[in-house]
Amino acid sequence: MKLLPRLQGQRNRLEEPLNAVRRWAERYGCRRVAAEVARLLRKLSVEGFATYL
């Protein structure tokens, strides 16, 4: 099951929503979602842009 919507954009647009999703995933034990969001956040911090399709 896919929980994350399509995401793409720059750091200033995605960082806050991704942090909110990460907190939710950690709270409810969705480890795969939390790991994917962590990967996207790392990519944002390094490249300034991330995409999840």
C-alpha atoms as a PDB file:
ATOM      1  CA  MET A   1       0.000   0.000   0.000  1.00  0.00           C
ATOM      2  CA  LYS A   2       1.312   3.436  -0.912  1.00  0.00           C
ATOM      3  CA  LEU A   3       0.873   6.054   1.799  1.00  0.00           C
ATOM      4  CA  LEU A   4       2.899   8.951   0.430  1.00  0.00           C
ATOM      5  CA  PRO A   5       1.501  11.126  -2.335  1.00  0.00           C
ATOM      6  CA  ARG A   6       3.576  12.219  -5.287  1.00  0.00           C
ATOM      7  CA  LEU A   7       6.040  14.804  -4.090  1.00  0.00           C
ATOM      8  CA  GLN A   8       8.500  16.979  -5.894  1.00  0.00           C
ATOM      9  CA  GLY A   9       9.964  20.331  -5.159  1.00  0.00           C
ATOM     10  CA  GLN A  10      12.530  22.450  -3.463  1.00  0.00           C
ATOM     11  CA  ARG A  11      13.573  22.398   0.159  1.00  0.00           C
ATOM     12  CA  ASN A  12      11.586  25.480   1.181  1.00  0.00           C
ATOM     13  CA  ARG A  13       8.399  23.847  -0.133  1.00  0.00           C
ATOM     14  CA  LEU A  14       8.818  20.250   1.080  1.00  0.00           C
ATOM     15  CA  GLU A  15      10.793  20.317   4.315  1.00  0.00           C
ATOM     16  CA  GLU A  16       7.936  21.210   6.697  1.00  0.00           C
ATOM     17  CA  PRO A  17       5.354  18.762   5.237  1.00  0.00           C
ATOM     18  CA  LEU A  18       7.921  15.932   5.134  1.00  0.00           C
ATOM     19  CA  ASN A  19       8.865  16.522   8.763  1.00  0.00           C
ATOM     20  CA  ALA A  20       5.176  16.333   9.702  1.00  0.00           C
ATOM     21  CA  VAL A  21       4.761  13.055   7.793  1.00  0.00           C
ATOM     22  CA  ARG A  22       7.922  11.660   9.426  1.00  0.00           C
ATOM     23  CA  ARG A  23       6.598  12.476  12.909  1.00  0.00           C
ATOM     24  CA  TRP A  24       3.265  10.830  12.061  1.00  0.00           C
ATOM     25  CA  ALA A  25       4.966   7.716  10.663  1.00  0.00           C
ATOM     26  CA  GLU A  26       7.177   7.358  13.727  1.00  0.00           C
ATOM     27  CA  ARG A  27       4.225   7.817  16.075  1.00  0.00           C
ATOM     28  CA  TYR A  28       2.161   5.109  14.374  1.00  0.00           C
ATOM     29  CA  GLY A  29       4.996   2.668  13.685  1.00  0.00           C
ATOM     30  CA  CYS A  30       5.104   2.997   9.911  1.00  0.00           C
ATOM     31  CA  ARG A  31       8.801   2.233   9.585  1.00  0.00           C
ATOM     32  CA  ARG A  32       8.907   2.025   5.787  1.00  0.00           C
ATOM     33  CA  VAL A  33       7.232   5.416   5.433  1.00  0.00           C
ATOM     34  CA  ALA A  34       9.540   6.951   8.050  1.00  0.00           C
ATOM     35  CA  ALA A  35      12.593   5.533   6.253  1.00  0.00           C
ATOM     36  CA  GLU A  36      11.464   6.854   2.874  1.00  0.00           C
ATOM     37  CA  VAL A  37      10.735  10.293   4.299  1.00  0.00           C
ATOM     38  CA  ALA A  38      14.148  10.314   6.007  1.00  0.00           C
ATOM     39  CA  ARG A  39      15.732   9.525   2.630  1.00  0.00           C
ATOM     40  CA  LEU A  40      13.828  12.388   0.998  1.00  0.00           C
ATOM     41  CA  LEU A  41      14.854  14.787   3.782  1.00  0.00           C
ATOM     42  CA  ARG A  42      18.523  13.803   3.350  1.00  0.00           C
ATOM     43  CA  LYS A  43      18.234  14.401  -0.381  1.00  0.00           C
ATOM     44  CA  LEU A  44      16.635  17.794   0.273  1.00  0.00           C
ATOM     45  CA  SER A  45      19.452  18.851   2.572  1.00  0.00           C
ATOM     46  CA  VAL A  46      22.161  17.754   0.120  1.00  0.00           C
ATOM     47  CA  GLU A  47      20.651  18.677  -3.243  1.00  0.00           C
ATOM     48  CA  GLY A  48      17.956  21.187  -2.286  1.00  0.00           C
ATOM     49  CA  PHE A  49      15.398  19.217  -4.318  1.00  0.00           C
ATOM     50  CA  ALA A  50      13.586  15.887  -3.926  1.00  0.00           C
ATOM     51  CA  THR A  51      11.162  13.779  -5.920  1.00  0.00           C
ATOM     52  CA  TYR A  52       8.959  10.874  -4.867  1.00  0.00           C
ATOM     53  CA  LEU A  53       6.719   9.362  -7.515  1.00  0.00           C
END
